[in-house]
């Protein structure tokens, strides 16, 4: 890590340096504020208090959703950080940690203020520890994967690309657009519907799905798993190269998009970035070419 990269400290980096307990308490505080707003609005309707100005009434659902989204994100982030730190402690030894701290300390500029130096050191150590942890986990997973897939003689992994879809709290801010009319027209029922959708949002926003594509010198394997890097299912689907009818690759602002088309199924890999994506695309092209022979060029 270069010294200049240590100066890039964003809000998420600062939050990640906070203890998980403090993050959870902060998230709970946002939930309490949202709950108080909801109860005040419900009490006002129940006791027949005058309605607030129209602009304020329209803005309240957005404000309420904002507090809920922020609270939920903080709690989920704190839980993820807590679990992640426990896993890191099992892979990174105290000797490795001390070495990383020494390396980061040497890279920091001596003219930095003490507070800034402490923050940059914590961030630099965190980033390097996570990089070391990811490298160890990837190597361990690769070895376990080779045993589970039972590779044939002469078969080896050429490339792996992972695609992940995580639940997002951003959609919470769009829910009021759908509910404003209901709240204005039906009042009490609209707020009940809002509460139900909030609980649904809490459930669906915590979901996380992933697909891992493994290219070998003979096969393309698709493995579906959920939750995190450590919870992959044992089942997989192998793509038969000879069954591919068409293969298209395009490049946009968000990365590469590859489409593999068969008789009755289309597999689309989009937003692929980096050298791994380019290598996977090259492997697919080579394996399709070998399966089809020199004739019958695909588009």
Protein backbone atom coordinates (compact mmCIF):
# COMPACT_ATOMS: atom_id res chain seq x y z
CA UNK A 1 0.00 0.00 0.00
CA UNK A 2 1.47 3.34 -0.96
CA UNK A 3 1.56 6.17 1.53
CA UNK A 4 -0.73 8.37 -0.54
CA UNK A 5 -3.46 5.72 -0.39
CA UNK A 6 -3.48 6.02 3.39
CA UNK A 7 -4.82 9.56 3.07
CA UNK A 8 -8.06 8.36 1.50
CA UNK A 9 -10.25 8.11 4.57
CA UNK A 10 -13.96 8.08 3.79
CA UNK A 11 -16.99 7.93 6.03
CA UNK A 12 -17.29 4.15 5.70
CA UNK A 13 -13.62 3.78 6.65
CA UNK A 14 -14.14 5.90 9.76
CA UNK A 15 -17.21 3.87 10.69
CA UNK A 16 -15.32 0.61 10.18
CA UNK A 17 -12.76 1.75 12.74
CA UNK A 18 -15.46 2.25 15.37
CA UNK A 19 -16.16 -0.64 17.77
CA UNK A 20 -19.15 -2.74 16.59
CA UNK A 21 -20.96 -2.08 19.89
CA UNK A 22 -20.91 1.66 19.30
CA UNK A 23 -22.15 1.19 15.75
CA UNK A 24 -25.06 -0.92 16.99
CA UNK A 25 -25.96 1.66 19.64
CA UNK A 26 -25.90 4.39 17.00
CA UNK A 27 -28.15 2.30 14.77
CA UNK A 28 -30.56 1.67 17.63
CA UNK A 29 -30.67 5.42 18.28
CA UNK A 30 -31.82 6.01 14.69
CA UNK A 31 -34.52 3.36 15.14
CA UNK A 32 -35.70 5.01 18.37
CA UNK A 33 -35.97 8.38 16.64
CA UNK A 34 -37.96 6.81 13.79
CA UNK A 35 -40.24 5.02 16.26
CA UNK A 36 -40.91 8.25 18.17
CA UNK A 37 -41.78 10.02 14.93
CA UNK A 38 -44.18 7.23 14.01
CA UNK A 39 -45.83 7.21 17.45
CA UNK A 40 -46.23 10.99 17.46
CA UNK A 41 -47.89 10.86 14.04
CA UNK A 42 -50.14 7.99 15.14
CA UNK A 43 -51.09 9.78 18.36
CA UNK A 44 -51.89 12.94 16.45
CA UNK A 45 -54.26 11.06 14.18
CA UNK A 46 -55.79 9.11 17.08
CA UNK A 47 -56.57 12.21 19.17
CA UNK A 48 -57.74 14.22 16.18
CA UNK A 49 -55.01 16.85 16.29
CA UNK A 50 -54.79 19.29 13.36
CA UNK A 51 -52.94 17.89 10.35
CA UNK A 52 -49.47 19.32 9.68
CA UNK A 53 -48.86 21.49 6.61
CA UNK A 54 -49.03 19.56 3.33
CA UNK A 55 -45.31 19.92 2.56
CA UNK A 56 -44.37 18.64 6.01
CA UNK A 57 -46.83 15.75 5.73
CA UNK A 58 -45.26 14.75 2.40
CA UNK A 59 -41.73 15.05 3.79
CA UNK A 60 -42.32 13.04 6.98
CA UNK A 61 -42.36 9.59 5.29
CA UNK A 62 -39.03 10.37 3.62
CA UNK A 63 -37.51 11.49 6.92
CA UNK A 64 -38.89 8.42 8.70
CA UNK A 65 -37.52 6.09 6.03
CA UNK A 66 -34.16 7.86 6.18
CA UNK A 67 -33.77 7.23 9.91
CA UNK A 68 -34.85 3.59 9.51
CA UNK A 69 -32.48 3.00 6.58
CA UNK A 70 -29.55 4.58 8.44
CA UNK A 71 -30.28 2.59 11.59
CA UNK A 72 -30.65 -0.68 9.73
CA UNK A 73 -27.45 -0.12 7.74
CA UNK A 74 -25.47 0.66 10.91
CA UNK A 75 -26.73 -2.45 12.72
CA UNK A 76 -26.07 -4.74 9.75
CA UNK A 77 -22.65 -3.16 9.21
CA UNK A 78 -21.76 -3.58 12.89
CA UNK A 79 -22.83 -7.22 12.88
CA UNK A 80 -20.83 -7.92 9.72
CA UNK A 81 -17.75 -6.18 11.12
CA UNK A 82 -17.98 -8.12 14.40
CA UNK A 83 -18.17 -11.48 12.62
CA UNK A 84 -15.43 -10.48 10.18
CA UNK A 85 -13.04 -9.45 12.95
CA UNK A 86 -13.58 -12.78 14.73
CA UNK A 87 -12.75 -14.69 11.53
CA UNK A 88 -9.67 -12.53 10.92
CA UNK A 89 -8.30 -13.34 14.39
CA UNK A 90 -8.26 -17.03 13.42
CA UNK A 91 -6.14 -16.46 10.30
CA UNK A 92 -3.81 -13.55 11.15
CA UNK A 93 -1.25 -14.25 13.88
CA UNK A 94 0.01 -11.70 16.39
CA UNK A 95 3.46 -11.81 14.74
CA UNK A 96 1.96 -10.96 11.34
CA UNK A 97 -0.08 -8.16 12.89
CA UNK A 98 3.00 -6.67 14.57
CA UNK A 99 4.90 -6.79 11.27
CA UNK A 100 2.07 -5.04 9.43
CA UNK A 101 1.88 -2.31 12.09
CA UNK A 102 5.62 -1.73 11.76
CA UNK A 103 5.42 -1.49 7.95
CA UNK A 104 2.52 0.97 8.05
CA UNK A 105 4.28 3.07 10.70
CA UNK A 106 7.31 3.47 8.41
CA UNK A 107 5.17 4.64 5.48
CA UNK A 108 3.46 7.45 7.39
CA UNK A 109 4.79 10.96 6.92
CA UNK A 110 6.54 12.32 10.03
CA UNK A 111 4.96 15.78 9.62
CA UNK A 112 1.43 14.46 10.22
CA UNK A 113 -0.51 15.53 13.28
CA UNK A 114 -0.73 12.96 16.05
CA UNK A 115 -4.48 12.46 15.67
CA UNK A 116 -4.27 12.15 11.88
CA UNK A 117 -1.29 9.81 12.15
CA UNK A 118 -3.19 7.54 14.54
CA UNK A 119 -6.23 7.41 12.24
CA UNK A 120 -4.16 6.68 9.13
CA UNK A 121 -2.21 3.98 10.95
CA UNK A 122 -5.40 2.24 12.08
CA UNK A 123 -6.82 2.39 8.56
CA UNK A 124 -3.60 1.19 6.95
CA UNK A 125 -3.30 -1.74 9.34
CA UNK A 126 -6.96 -2.67 8.83
CA UNK A 127 -6.61 -2.70 5.04
CA UNK A 128 -3.46 -4.81 5.05
CA UNK A 129 -4.81 -7.26 7.60
CA UNK A 130 -7.95 -7.72 5.50
CA UNK A 131 -5.84 -8.23 2.36
CA UNK A 132 -3.73 -10.88 4.13
CA UNK A 133 -6.86 -12.57 5.47
CA UNK A 134 -8.52 -12.64 2.03
CA UNK A 135 -5.40 -14.14 0.46
CA UNK A 136 -5.27 -16.93 3.06
CA UNK A 137 -8.99 -17.66 2.80
CA UNK A 138 -8.85 -17.75 -1.00
CA UNK A 139 -5.96 -20.22 -0.94
CA UNK A 140 -7.74 -22.38 1.62
CA UNK A 141 -10.99 -22.31 -0.31
CA UNK A 142 -9.24 -23.21 -3.56
CA UNK A 143 -7.72 -26.30 -1.98
CA UNK A 144 -11.08 -27.36 -0.51
CA UNK A 145 -12.80 -26.67 -3.81
CA UNK A 146 -10.41 -28.91 -5.69
CA UNK A 147 -11.29 -31.79 -3.35
CA UNK A 148 -15.06 -31.23 -3.57
CA UNK A 149 -15.19 -30.92 -7.35
CA UNK A 150 -13.14 -34.08 -7.85
CA UNK A 151 -11.17 -32.85 -10.83
CA UNK A 152 -10.12 -35.34 -13.45
CA UNK A 153 -6.51 -36.11 -14.24
CA UNK A 154 -4.91 -33.16 -16.01
CA UNK A 155 -7.74 -30.75 -15.16
CA UNK A 156 -6.85 -27.49 -13.42
CA UNK A 157 -8.53 -24.23 -12.45
CA UNK A 158 -7.70 -21.41 -14.84
CA UNK A 159 -9.90 -18.64 -13.51
CA UNK A 160 -12.65 -17.84 -10.99
CA UNK A 161 -15.11 -14.94 -11.10
CA UNK A 162 -17.59 -14.24 -8.31
CA UNK A 163 -20.79 -12.22 -8.69
CA UNK A 164 -22.63 -11.04 -5.59
CA UNK A 165 -25.99 -9.39 -5.04
CA UNK A 166 -26.50 -7.86 -1.60
CA UNK A 167 -29.71 -6.49 -0.21
CA UNK A 168 -29.69 -2.69 -0.21
CA UNK A 169 -31.24 -0.14 2.11
CA UNK A 170 -31.35 2.47 -0.64
CA UNK A 171 -34.73 1.30 -1.88
CA UNK A 172 -36.20 2.31 1.48
CA UNK A 173 -36.03 5.92 0.35
CA UNK A 174 -38.25 5.17 -2.66
CA UNK A 175 -41.03 3.50 -0.66
CA UNK A 176 -42.64 6.79 0.43
CA UNK A 177 -43.32 7.64 -3.21
CA UNK A 178 -45.63 4.61 -3.36
CA UNK A 179 -47.24 5.28 0.01
CA UNK A 180 -47.83 9.03 0.06
CA UNK A 181 -51.11 8.76 -1.83
CA UNK A 182 -52.33 5.96 0.47
CA UNK A 183 -51.37 7.89 3.61
CA UNK A 184 -53.00 11.11 2.42
CA UNK A 185 -56.19 9.37 1.29
CA UNK A 186 -56.68 6.82 4.06
CA UNK A 187 -54.54 8.06 6.95
CA UNK A 188 -54.48 5.29 9.57
CA UNK A 189 -54.46 2.42 7.06
CA UNK A 190 -51.61 4.02 5.17
CA UNK A 191 -49.42 4.17 8.27
CA UNK A 192 -50.15 0.51 9.05
CA UNK A 193 -49.16 -0.42 5.51
CA UNK A 194 -45.99 1.63 5.91
CA UNK A 195 -45.09 -0.30 9.09
CA UNK A 196 -45.67 -3.66 7.37
CA UNK A 197 -43.46 -2.66 4.44
CA UNK A 198 -40.75 -1.54 6.84
CA UNK A 199 -40.60 -5.02 8.39
CA UNK A 200 -40.51 -6.54 4.91
CA UNK A 201 -37.69 -4.19 3.96
CA UNK A 202 -35.72 -5.18 7.05
CA UNK A 203 -35.95 -8.83 6.02
CA UNK A 204 -35.19 -8.53 2.31
CA UNK A 205 -32.40 -5.96 2.71
CA UNK A 206 -30.36 -8.43 4.78
CA UNK A 207 -30.30 -11.08 2.04
CA UNK A 208 -27.13 -11.78 0.10
CA UNK A 209 -26.75 -14.04 -2.93
CA UNK A 210 -23.66 -15.04 -4.86
CA UNK A 211 -22.68 -17.06 -7.91
CA UNK A 212 -19.18 -18.34 -8.49
CA UNK A 213 -18.03 -19.19 -12.05
CA UNK A 214 -15.05 -21.55 -12.20
CA UNK A 215 -13.28 -22.04 -15.52
CA UNK A 216 -11.03 -25.07 -15.90
CA UNK A 217 -9.18 -26.29 -18.95
CA UNK A 218 -12.19 -28.54 -19.65
CA UNK A 219 -15.30 -27.08 -17.99
CA UNK A 220 -17.15 -23.97 -16.88
CA UNK A 221 -18.78 -24.64 -13.51
CA UNK A 222 -21.44 -22.48 -11.89
CA UNK A 223 -21.79 -22.75 -8.12
CA UNK A 224 -24.56 -20.95 -6.24
CA UNK A 225 -24.15 -20.07 -2.59
CA UNK A 226 -25.58 -17.60 -0.09
CA UNK A 227 -24.80 -15.49 2.98
CA UNK A 228 -21.01 -15.07 2.76
CA UNK A 229 -17.72 -16.40 1.45
CA UNK A 230 -17.86 -19.32 3.87
CA UNK A 231 -21.30 -20.72 3.07
CA UNK A 232 -21.20 -22.28 -0.37
CA UNK A 233 -23.42 -25.17 -1.30
CA UNK A 234 -21.90 -28.47 -2.35
CA UNK A 235 -23.89 -28.68 -5.59
CA UNK A 236 -22.84 -27.18 -8.91
CA UNK A 237 -23.89 -26.99 -12.53
CA UNK A 238 -21.40 -27.76 -15.23
CA UNK A 239 -21.69 -26.12 -18.64
CA UNK A 240 -21.14 -28.38 -21.64
CA UNK A 241 -19.01 -26.43 -24.10
CA UNK A 242 -20.44 -28.31 -27.06
CA UNK A 243 -23.97 -27.15 -26.13
CA UNK A 244 -23.09 -23.46 -26.54
CA UNK A 245 -24.79 -21.98 -29.60
CA UNK A 246 -23.67 -18.37 -29.27
CA UNK A 247 -21.22 -16.35 -27.21
CA UNK A 248 -21.24 -12.55 -27.15
CA UNK A 249 -19.03 -10.10 -25.29
CA UNK A 250 -19.57 -6.36 -24.95
CA UNK A 251 -17.90 -3.67 -22.87
CA UNK A 252 -19.65 -0.75 -21.21
CA UNK A 253 -19.03 1.81 -18.50
CA UNK A 254 -19.73 -0.77 -15.78
CA UNK A 255 -17.37 -3.41 -17.14
CA UNK A 256 -17.63 -6.42 -19.43
CA UNK A 257 -20.86 -8.24 -20.25
CA UNK A 258 -20.65 -11.82 -21.49
CA UNK A 259 -23.61 -13.86 -22.73
CA UNK A 260 -23.53 -17.62 -23.26
CA UNK A 261 -26.54 -18.94 -25.17
CA UNK A 262 -27.65 -22.55 -25.50
CA UNK A 263 -30.77 -24.28 -26.82
CA UNK A 264 -33.10 -23.23 -23.99
CA UNK A 265 -30.99 -21.20 -21.57
CA UNK A 266 -29.03 -17.96 -21.60
CA UNK A 267 -26.32 -17.23 -19.01
CA UNK A 268 -25.42 -13.55 -18.66
CA UNK A 269 -22.38 -12.31 -16.76
CA UNK A 270 -22.45 -8.53 -16.47
CA UNK A 271 -20.45 -5.87 -14.62
CA UNK A 272 -17.30 -7.99 -14.85
CA UNK A 273 -14.15 -6.00 -14.17
CA UNK A 274 -10.44 -6.53 -13.88
CA UNK A 275 -7.99 -9.05 -15.25
CA UNK A 276 -9.96 -12.01 -13.87
CA UNK A 277 -12.96 -11.07 -16.00
CA UNK A 278 -10.85 -10.74 -19.15
CA UNK A 279 -9.14 -14.05 -18.41
CA UNK A 280 -12.46 -15.81 -17.85
CA UNK A 281 -13.82 -14.48 -21.15
CA UNK A 282 -10.68 -15.67 -22.92
CA UNK A 283 -10.99 -19.12 -21.32
CA UNK A 284 -14.62 -19.43 -22.44
CA UNK A 285 -13.71 -18.46 -26.00
CA UNK A 286 -10.86 -20.97 -26.10
CA UNK A 287 -12.91 -23.84 -24.67
CA UNK A 288 -15.85 -23.18 -27.01
CA UNK A 289 -13.44 -23.11 -29.93
CA UNK A 290 -11.91 -26.44 -28.87
CA UNK A 291 -15.36 -28.02 -28.44
CA UNK A 292 -16.67 -26.80 -31.77
CA UNK A 293 -13.51 -27.40 -33.71
CA UNK A 294 -11.93 -25.03 -36.15
CA UNK A 295 -15.20 -24.65 -38.10
CA UNK A 296 -18.37 -22.89 -37.04
CA UNK A 297 -17.09 -19.59 -35.65
CA UNK A 298 -19.35 -18.09 -32.97
CA UNK A 299 -20.48 -14.46 -32.95
